[in-house]
PDB file of all heavy atoms in Angstrom:
ATOM      1  N   SER A   1       0.851  -1.183  -0.018  1.00  0.00           N
ATOM      2  CA  SER A   1      -0.020  -0.021   0.027  1.00  0.00           C
ATOM      3  C   SER A   1       0.893   1.251   0.019  1.00  0.00           C
ATOM      4  O   SER A   1       1.717   1.422   0.837  1.00  0.00           O
ATOM      5  CB  SER A   1      -0.940   0.023   1.208  1.00  0.00           C
ATOM      6  OG  SER A   1      -1.834  -1.059   1.206  1.00  0.00           O
ATOM      7  N   ASN A   2       0.615   2.161  -0.955  1.00  0.00           N
ATOM      8  CA  ASN A   2       1.509   3.368  -0.992  1.00  0.00           C
ATOM      9  C   ASN A   2       1.094   4.270   0.125  1.00  0.00           C
ATOM     10  O   ASN A   2      -0.054   4.374   0.579  1.00  0.00           O
ATOM     11  CB  ASN A   2       1.296   4.031  -2.356  1.00  0.00           C
ATOM     12  CG  ASN A   2      -0.035   4.599  -2.616  1.00  0.00           C
ATOM     13  OD1 ASN A   2      -0.396   5.717  -2.168  1.00  0.00           O
ATOM     14  ND2 ASN A   2      -0.902   3.864  -3.312  1.00  0.00           N
ATOM     15  N   PRO A   3       2.081   5.087   0.614  1.00  0.00           N
ATOM     16  CA  PRO A   3       1.887   5.899   1.807  1.00  0.00           C
ATOM     17  C   PRO A   3       0.760   6.885   1.660  1.00  0.00           C
ATOM     18  O   PRO A   3       0.062   7.188   2.662  1.00  0.00           O
ATOM     19  CB  PRO A   3       3.241   6.620   1.915  1.00  0.00           C
ATOM     20  CG  PRO A   3       4.232   5.637   1.397  1.00  0.00           C
ATOM     21  CD  PRO A   3       3.533   5.065   0.217  1.00  0.00           C
ATOM     22  N   GLN A   4       0.482   7.451   0.469  1.00  0.00           N
ATOM     23  CA  GLN A   4      -0.556   8.403   0.365  1.00  0.00           C
ATOM     24  C   GLN A   4      -1.973   7.767   0.612  1.00  0.00           C
ATOM     25  O   GLN A   4      -2.838   8.295   1.272  1.00  0.00           O
ATOM     26  CB  GLN A   4      -0.611   9.073  -0.997  1.00  0.00           C
ATOM     27  CG  GLN A   4      -1.633  10.111  -1.265  1.00  0.00           C
ATOM     28  CD  GLN A   4      -1.569  11.320  -0.277  1.00  0.00           C
ATOM     29  OE1 GLN A   4      -0.458  11.661   0.182  1.00  0.00           O
ATOM     30  NE2 GLN A   4      -2.726  11.891   0.022  1.00  0.00           N
ATOM     31  N   LYS A   5      -2.073   6.521   0.079  1.00  0.00           N
ATOM     32  CA  LYS A   5      -3.325   5.804   0.268  1.00  0.00           C
ATOM     33  C   LYS A   5      -3.492   5.444   1.769  1.00  0.00           C
ATOM     34  O   LYS A   5      -4.614   5.490   2.315  1.00  0.00           O
ATOM     35  CB  LYS A   5      -3.391   4.522  -0.593  1.00  0.00           C
ATOM     36  CG  LYS A   5      -4.725   3.770  -0.464  1.00  0.00           C
ATOM     37  CD  LYS A   5      -4.758   2.562  -1.414  1.00  0.00           C
ATOM     38  CE  LYS A   5      -4.082   1.396  -0.933  1.00  0.00           C
ATOM     39  NZ  LYS A   5      -4.326   0.205  -1.723  1.00  0.00           N
ATOM     40  N   VAL A   6      -2.386   5.081   2.451  1.00  0.00           N
ATOM     41  CA  VAL A   6      -2.406   4.801   3.826  1.00  0.00           C
ATOM     42  C   VAL A   6      -2.903   6.030   4.584  1.00  0.00           C
ATOM     43  O   VAL A   6      -3.802   5.933   5.504  1.00  0.00           O
ATOM     44  CB  VAL A   6      -1.041   4.363   4.333  1.00  0.00           C
ATOM     45  CG1 VAL A   6      -1.011   4.317   5.871  1.00  0.00           C
ATOM     46  CG2 VAL A   6      -0.715   2.957   3.814  1.00  0.00           C
ATOM     47  N   PHE A   7      -2.350   7.170   4.283  1.00  0.00           N
ATOM     48  CA  PHE A   7      -2.755   8.438   4.978  1.00  0.00           C
ATOM     49  C   PHE A   7      -4.196   8.671   4.821  1.00  0.00           C
ATOM     50  O   PHE A   7      -4.924   8.980   5.786  1.00  0.00           O
ATOM     51  CB  PHE A   7      -1.899   9.561   4.394  1.00  0.00           C
ATOM     52  CG  PHE A   7      -2.260  10.896   4.933  1.00  0.00           C
ATOM     53  CD1 PHE A   7      -1.808  11.294   6.186  1.00  0.00           C
ATOM     54  CD2 PHE A   7      -3.066  11.803   4.219  1.00  0.00           C
ATOM     55  CE1 PHE A   7      -2.172  12.579   6.721  1.00  0.00           C
ATOM     56  CE2 PHE A   7      -3.420  13.061   4.720  1.00  0.00           C
ATOM     57  CZ  PHE A   7      -2.952  13.445   5.985  1.00  0.00           C
ATOM     58  N   GLU A   8      -4.713   8.604   3.591  1.00  0.00           N
ATOM     59  CA  GLU A   8      -6.109   8.922   3.340  1.00  0.00           C
ATOM     60  C   GLU A   8      -7.019   7.873   3.947  1.00  0.00           C
ATOM     61  O   GLU A   8      -8.144   8.216   4.434  1.00  0.00           O
ATOM     62  CB  GLU A   8      -6.335   8.971   1.829  1.00  0.00           C
ATOM     63  CG  GLU A   8      -5.672  10.145   1.160  1.00  0.00           C
ATOM     64  CD  GLU A   8      -5.794  10.138  -0.390  1.00  0.00           C
ATOM     65  OE1 GLU A   8      -6.611   9.325  -0.865  1.00  0.00           O
ATOM     66  OE2 GLU A   8      -5.124  10.970  -1.051  1.00  0.00           O
ATOM     67  N   THR A   9      -6.551   6.637   4.011  1.00  0.00           N
ATOM     68  CA  THR A   9      -7.408   5.551   4.611  1.00  0.00           C
ATOM     69  C   THR A   9      -7.543   5.726   6.140  1.00  0.00           C
ATOM     70  O   THR A   9      -8.610   5.621   6.673  1.00  0.00           O
ATOM     71  CB  THR A   9      -6.789   4.189   4.296  1.00  0.00           C
ATOM     72  OG1 THR A   9      -6.735   3.998   2.887  1.00  0.00           O
ATOM     73  CG2 THR A   9      -7.611   3.070   4.935  1.00  0.00           C
ATOM     74  N   ILE A  10      -6.424   5.990   6.799  1.00  0.00           N
ATOM     75  CA  ILE A  10      -6.445   6.233   8.267  1.00  0.00           C
ATOM     76  C   ILE A  10      -7.331   7.498   8.547  1.00  0.00           C
ATOM     77  O   ILE A  10      -8.116   7.517   9.489  1.00  0.00           O
ATOM     78  CB  ILE A  10      -5.054   6.397   8.827  1.00  0.00           C
ATOM     79  CG1 ILE A  10      -4.252   5.064   8.607  1.00  0.00           C
ATOM     80  CG2 ILE A  10      -5.114   6.705  10.329  1.00  0.00           C
ATOM     81  CD1 ILE A  10      -4.888   3.807   9.272  1.00  0.00           C
ATOM     82  N   GLN A  11      -7.131   8.555   7.779  1.00  0.00           N
ATOM     83  CA  GLN A  11      -7.956   9.742   7.978  1.00  0.00           C
ATOM     84  C   GLN A  11      -9.441   9.438   7.861  1.00  0.00           C
ATOM     85  O   GLN A  11     -10.283   9.873   8.631  1.00  0.00           O
ATOM     86  CB  GLN A  11      -7.622  10.821   6.962  1.00  0.00           C
ATOM     87  CG  GLN A  11      -6.431  11.745   7.394  1.00  0.00           C
ATOM     88  CD  GLN A  11      -6.416  12.972   6.517  1.00  0.00           C
ATOM     89  OE1 GLN A  11      -6.796  12.980   5.381  1.00  0.00           O
ATOM     90  NE2 GLN A  11      -5.859  14.076   7.076  1.00  0.00           N
ATOM     91  N   MET A  12      -9.793   8.646   6.801  1.00  0.00           N
ATOM     92  CA  MET A  12     -11.144   8.202   6.561  1.00  0.00           C
ATOM     93  C   MET A  12     -11.655   7.438   7.765  1.00  0.00           C
ATOM     94  O   MET A  12     -12.796   7.710   8.343  1.00  0.00           O
ATOM     95  CB  MET A  12     -11.234   7.414   5.322  1.00  0.00           C
ATOM     96  CG  MET A  12     -12.573   6.716   5.092  1.00  0.00           C
ATOM     97  SD  MET A  12     -12.757   5.041   5.887  1.00  0.00           S
ATOM     98  CE  MET A  12     -11.448   4.131   5.114  1.00  0.00           C
ATOM     99  N   ALA A  13     -10.893   6.485   8.253  1.00  0.00           N
ATOM    100  CA  ALA A  13     -11.299   5.657   9.398  1.00  0.00           C
ATOM    101  C   ALA A  13     -11.498   6.501  10.639  1.00  0.00           C
ATOM    102  O   ALA A  13     -12.452   6.270  11.392  1.00  0.00           O
ATOM    103  CB  ALA A  13     -10.326   4.539   9.640  1.00  0.00           C
ATOM    104  N   ARG A  14     -10.590   7.450  10.895  1.00  0.00           N
ATOM    105  CA  ARG A  14     -10.679   8.238  12.058  1.00  0.00           C
ATOM    106  C   ARG A  14     -12.008   9.063  12.021  1.00  0.00           C
ATOM    107  O   ARG A  14     -12.585   9.297  13.144  1.00  0.00           O
ATOM    108  CB  ARG A  14      -9.460   9.171  12.158  1.00  0.00           C
ATOM    109  CG  ARG A  14      -9.349  10.008  13.459  1.00  0.00           C
ATOM    110  CD  ARG A  14      -9.372   9.121  14.701  1.00  0.00           C
ATOM    111  NE  ARG A  14      -8.189   8.345  14.972  1.00  0.00           N
ATOM    112  CZ  ARG A  14      -8.156   7.358  15.836  1.00  0.00           C
ATOM    113  NH1 ARG A  14      -9.239   6.977  16.443  1.00  0.00           N
ATOM    114  NH2 ARG A  14      -7.083   6.719  16.033  1.00  0.00           N
ATOM    115  N   ARG A  15     -12.393   9.477  10.888  1.00  0.00           N
ATOM    116  CA  ARG A  15     -13.693  10.212  10.829  1.00  0.00           C
ATOM    117  C   ARG A  15     -14.890   9.331  11.107  1.00  0.00           C
ATOM    118  O   ARG A  15     -15.879   9.754  11.686  1.00  0.00           O
ATOM    119  CB  ARG A  15     -13.835  10.856   9.434  1.00  0.00           C
ATOM    120  CG  ARG A  15     -12.873  11.986   9.125  1.00  0.00           C
ATOM    121  CD  ARG A  15     -13.307  12.768   7.873  1.00  0.00           C
ATOM    122  NE  ARG A  15     -13.371  11.917   6.696  1.00  0.00           N
ATOM    123  CZ  ARG A  15     -12.367  11.717   5.835  1.00  0.00           C
ATOM    124  NH1 ARG A  15     -11.205  12.371   6.066  1.00  0.00           N
ATOM    125  NH2 ARG A  15     -12.505  10.961   4.762  1.00  0.00           N
ATOM    126  N   LEU A  16     -14.815   8.043  10.711  1.00  0.00           N
ATOM    127  CA  LEU A  16     -15.953   7.119  10.759  1.00  0.00           C
ATOM    128  C   LEU A  16     -16.149   6.549  12.167  1.00  0.00           C
ATOM    129  O   LEU A  16     -17.295   6.350  12.641  1.00  0.00           O
ATOM    130  CB  LEU A  16     -15.841   6.000   9.739  1.00  0.00           C
ATOM    131  CG  LEU A  16     -16.193   6.316   8.305  1.00  0.00           C
ATOM    132  CD1 LEU A  16     -16.123   5.014   7.481  1.00  0.00           C
ATOM    133  CD2 LEU A  16     -17.553   6.935   8.146  1.00  0.00           C
ATOM    134  N   ILE A  17     -15.066   6.118  12.797  1.00  0.00           N
ATOM    135  CA  ILE A  17     -15.210   5.324  14.053  1.00  0.00           C
ATOM    136  C   ILE A  17     -15.471   6.227  15.241  1.00  0.00           C
ATOM    137  O   ILE A  17     -15.124   7.399  15.244  1.00  0.00           O
ATOM    138  CB  ILE A  17     -13.921   4.489  14.264  1.00  0.00           C
ATOM    139  CG1 ILE A  17     -12.694   5.401  14.413  1.00  0.00           C
ATOM    140  CG2 ILE A  17     -13.717   3.498  13.079  1.00  0.00           C
ATOM    141  CD1 ILE A  17     -11.422   4.600  14.631  1.00  0.00           C
ATOM    142  N   PRO A  18     -16.066   5.638  16.248  1.00  0.00           N
ATOM    143  CA  PRO A  18     -16.335   6.439  17.498  1.00  0.00           C
ATOM    144  C   PRO A  18     -15.052   7.005  18.082  1.00  0.00           C
ATOM    145  O   PRO A  18     -13.972   6.365  18.033  1.00  0.00           O
ATOM    146  CB  PRO A  18     -17.014   5.402  18.423  1.00  0.00           C
ATOM    147  CG  PRO A  18     -17.512   4.377  17.536  1.00  0.00           C
ATOM    148  CD  PRO A  18     -16.594   4.268  16.353  1.00  0.00           C
ATOM    149  N   GLU A  19     -15.139   8.148  18.701  1.00  0.00           N
ATOM    150  CA  GLU A  19     -14.052   8.748  19.316  1.00  0.00           C
ATOM    151  C   GLU A  19     -13.463   7.865  20.439  1.00  0.00           C
ATOM    152  O   GLU A  19     -14.235   7.267  21.195  1.00  0.00           O
ATOM    153  CB  GLU A  19     -14.463  10.087  19.965  1.00  0.00           C
ATOM    154  CG  GLU A  19     -13.273  10.935  20.501  1.00  0.00           C
ATOM    155  CD  GLU A  19     -13.673  12.300  21.034  1.00  0.00           C
ATOM    156  OE1 GLU A  19     -14.855  12.697  20.793  1.00  0.00           O
ATOM    157  OE2 GLU A  19     -12.891  12.954  21.657  1.00  0.00           O
ATOM    158  N   GLY A  20     -12.117   7.784  20.490  1.00  0.00           N
ATOM    159  CA  GLY A  20     -11.500   6.954  21.493  1.00  0.00           C
ATOM    160  C   GLY A  20     -11.247   5.532  20.998  1.00  0.00           C
ATOM    161  O   GLY A  20     -10.580   4.717  21.743  1.00  0.00           O
ATOM    162  N   THR A  21     -11.681   5.181  19.839  1.00  0.00           N
ATOM    163  CA  THR A  21     -11.435   3.795  19.304  1.00  0.00           C
ATOM    164  C   THR A  21     -10.003   3.649  18.920  1.00  0.00           C
ATOM    165  O   THR A  21      -9.370   4.507  18.257  1.00  0.00           O
ATOM    166  CB  THR A  21     -12.259   3.570  18.016  1.00  0.00           C
ATOM    167  OG1 THR A  21     -13.672   3.739  18.360  1.00  0.00           O
ATOM    168  CG2 THR A  21     -12.049   2.131  17.493  1.00  0.00           C
ATOM    169  N   HIS A  22      -9.365   2.541  19.432  1.00  0.00           N
ATOM    170  CA  HIS A  22      -7.937   2.302  19.130  1.00  0.00           C
ATOM    171  C   HIS A  22      -7.785   1.848  17.651  1.00  0.00           C
ATOM    172  O   HIS A  22      -8.386   0.846  17.239  1.00  0.00           O
ATOM    173  CB  HIS A  22      -7.423   1.173  20.065  1.00  0.00           C
ATOM    174  CG  HIS A  22      -5.941   0.948  19.937  1.00  0.00           C
ATOM    175  ND1 HIS A  22      -5.023   1.765  20.551  1.00  0.00           N
ATOM    176  CD2 HIS A  22      -5.265   0.061  19.282  1.00  0.00           C
ATOM    177  CE1 HIS A  22      -3.770   1.334  20.284  1.00  0.00           C
ATOM    178  NE2 HIS A  22      -3.941   0.294  19.519  1.00  0.00           N
ATOM    179  N   LEU A  23      -6.948   2.563  16.946  1.00  0.00           N
ATOM    180  CA  LEU A  23      -6.795   2.324  15.529  1.00  0.00           C
ATOM    181  C   LEU A  23      -5.311   2.029  15.211  1.00  0.00           C
ATOM    182  O   LEU A  23      -4.441   2.757  15.603  1.00  0.00           O
ATOM    183  CB  LEU A  23      -7.253   3.570  14.713  1.00  0.00           C
ATOM    184  CG  LEU A  23      -7.213   3.527  13.241  1.00  0.00           C
ATOM    185  CD1 LEU A  23      -8.195   2.447  12.703  1.00  0.00           C
ATOM    186  CD2 LEU A  23      -7.596   4.902  12.659  1.00  0.00           C
ATOM    187  N   ARG A  24      -5.097   0.915  14.472  1.00  0.00           N
ATOM    188  CA  ARG A  24      -3.737   0.460  14.202  1.00  0.00           C
ATOM    189  C   ARG A  24      -3.460   0.292  12.741  1.00  0.00           C
ATOM    190  O   ARG A  24      -4.391   0.146  11.938  1.00  0.00           O
ATOM    191  CB  ARG A  24      -3.441  -0.951  14.901  1.00  0.00           C
ATOM    192  CG  ARG A  24      -3.737  -0.996  16.427  1.00  0.00           C
ATOM    193  CD  ARG A  24      -3.241  -2.315  16.923  1.00  0.00           C
ATOM    194  NE  ARG A  24      -1.822  -2.410  16.815  1.00  0.00           N
ATOM    195  CZ  ARG A  24      -0.971  -1.931  17.744  1.00  0.00           C
ATOM    196  NH1 ARG A  24      -1.430  -1.364  18.832  1.00  0.00           N
ATOM    197  NH2 ARG A  24       0.338  -2.071  17.579  1.00  0.00           N
ATOM    198  N   LEU A  25      -2.167   0.228  12.378  1.00  0.00           N
ATOM    199  CA  LEU A  25      -1.701  -0.145  11.079  1.00  0.00           C
ATOM    200  C   LEU A  25      -0.645  -1.236  11.203  1.00  0.00           C
ATOM    201  O   LEU A  25       0.241  -1.132  12.069  1.00  0.00           O
ATOM    202  CB  LEU A  25      -1.113   1.020  10.302  1.00  0.00           C
ATOM    203  CG  LEU A  25      -0.586   0.680   8.877  1.00  0.00           C
ATOM    204  CD1 LEU A  25      -1.695   0.364   7.944  1.00  0.00           C
ATOM    205  CD2 LEU A  25       0.262   1.872   8.304  1.00  0.00           C
ATOM    206  N   HIS A  26      -0.787  -2.209  10.310  1.00  0.00           N
ATOM    207  CA  HIS A  26       0.249  -3.284  10.239  1.00  0.00           C
ATOM    208  C   HIS A  26       0.732  -3.312   8.801  1.00  0.00           C
ATOM    209  O   HIS A  26      -0.031  -3.378   7.828  1.00  0.00           O
ATOM    210  CB  HIS A  26      -0.404  -4.661  10.564  1.00  0.00           C
ATOM    211  CG  HIS A  26       0.471  -5.847  10.268  1.00  0.00           C
ATOM    212  ND1 HIS A  26       1.270  -6.412  11.189  1.00  0.00           N
ATOM    213  CD2 HIS A  26       0.678  -6.525   9.135  1.00  0.00           C
ATOM    214  CE1 HIS A  26       1.932  -7.422  10.649  1.00  0.00           C
ATOM    215  NE2 HIS A  26       1.554  -7.536   9.337  1.00  0.00           N
ATOM    216  N   THR A  27       2.040  -3.329   8.584  1.00  0.00           N
ATOM    217  CA  THR A  27       2.628  -3.474   7.261  1.00  0.00           C
ATOM    218  C   THR A  27       3.920  -4.206   7.308  1.00  0.00           C
ATOM    219  O   THR A  27       4.426  -4.553   8.343  1.00  0.00           O
ATOM    220  CB  THR A  27       2.743  -2.084   6.580  1.00  0.00           C
ATOM    221  OG1 THR A  27       3.033  -2.299   5.194  1.00  0.00           O
ATOM    222  CG2 THR A  27       3.834  -1.222   7.195  1.00  0.00           C
ATOM    223  N   HIS A  28       4.507  -4.372   6.152  1.00  0.00           N
ATOM    224  CA  HIS A  28       5.830  -5.083   6.002  1.00  0.00           C
ATOM    225  C   HIS A  28       6.758  -4.221   5.171  1.00  0.00           C
ATOM    226  O   HIS A  28       6.317  -3.345   4.441  1.00  0.00           O
ATOM    227  CB  HIS A  28       5.680  -6.414   5.343  1.00  0.00           C
ATOM    228  CG  HIS A  28       5.003  -7.457   6.109  1.00  0.00           C
ATOM    229  ND1 HIS A  28       5.624  -8.644   6.505  1.00  0.00           N
ATOM    230  CD2 HIS A  28       3.754  -7.552   6.659  1.00  0.00           C
ATOM    231  CE1 HIS A  28       4.785  -9.369   7.234  1.00  0.00           C
ATOM    232  NE2 HIS A  28       3.643  -8.740   7.327  1.00  0.00           N
ATOM    233  N   GLU A  29       8.042  -4.463   5.322  1.00  0.00           N
ATOM    234  CA  GLU A  29       9.024  -3.705   4.565  1.00  0.00           C
ATOM    235  C   GLU A  29       9.314  -4.261   3.172  1.00  0.00           C
ATOM    236  O   GLU A  29      10.120  -3.741   2.432  1.00  0.00           O
ATOM    237  CB  GLU A  29      10.333  -3.683   5.372  1.00  0.00           C
ATOM    238  CG  GLU A  29      11.552  -2.970   4.790  1.00  0.00           C
ATOM    239  CD  GLU A  29      11.323  -1.464   4.524  1.00  0.00           C
ATOM    240  OE1 GLU A  29      10.286  -0.952   4.955  1.00  0.00           O
ATOM    241  OE2 GLU A  29      12.166  -0.842   3.909  1.00  0.00           O
ATOM    242  N   THR A  30       8.608  -5.303   2.791  1.00  0.00           N
ATOM    243  CA  THR A  30       8.823  -6.087   1.504  1.00  0.00           C
ATOM    244  C   THR A  30       9.025  -5.128   0.328  1.00  0.00           C
ATOM    245  O   THR A  30       9.910  -5.368  -0.499  1.00  0.00           O
ATOM    246  CB  THR A  30       7.706  -7.053   1.240  1.00  0.00           C
ATOM    247  OG1 THR A  30       7.241  -7.596   2.500  1.00  0.00           O
ATOM    248  CG2 THR A  30       8.169  -8.174   0.398  1.00  0.00           C
ATOM    249  N   ALA A  31       8.201  -4.107   0.197  1.00  0.00           N
ATOM    250  CA  ALA A  31       8.247  -3.243  -0.991  1.00  0.00           C
ATOM    251  C   ALA A  31       9.072  -1.978  -0.752  1.00  0.00           C
ATOM    252  O   ALA A  31       9.233  -1.159  -1.620  1.00  0.00           O
ATOM    253  CB  ALA A  31       6.850  -2.875  -1.448  1.00  0.00           C
ATOM    254  N   GLY A  32       9.604  -1.840   0.465  1.00  0.00           N
ATOM    255  CA  GLY A  32      10.490  -0.715   0.765  1.00  0.00           C
ATOM    256  C   GLY A  32       9.801   0.591   1.189  1.00  0.00           C
ATOM    257  O   GLY A  32      10.466   1.617   1.310  1.00  0.00           O
TER     258      GLY A  32
END
């Protein structure tokens, strides 16, 4: 996943989910 899509996805999720919800990202270094 490219960083810009990650940024926009987390922003989107933060708007949708209830305040205080723990939000995480998991990724790998495979593509650098």
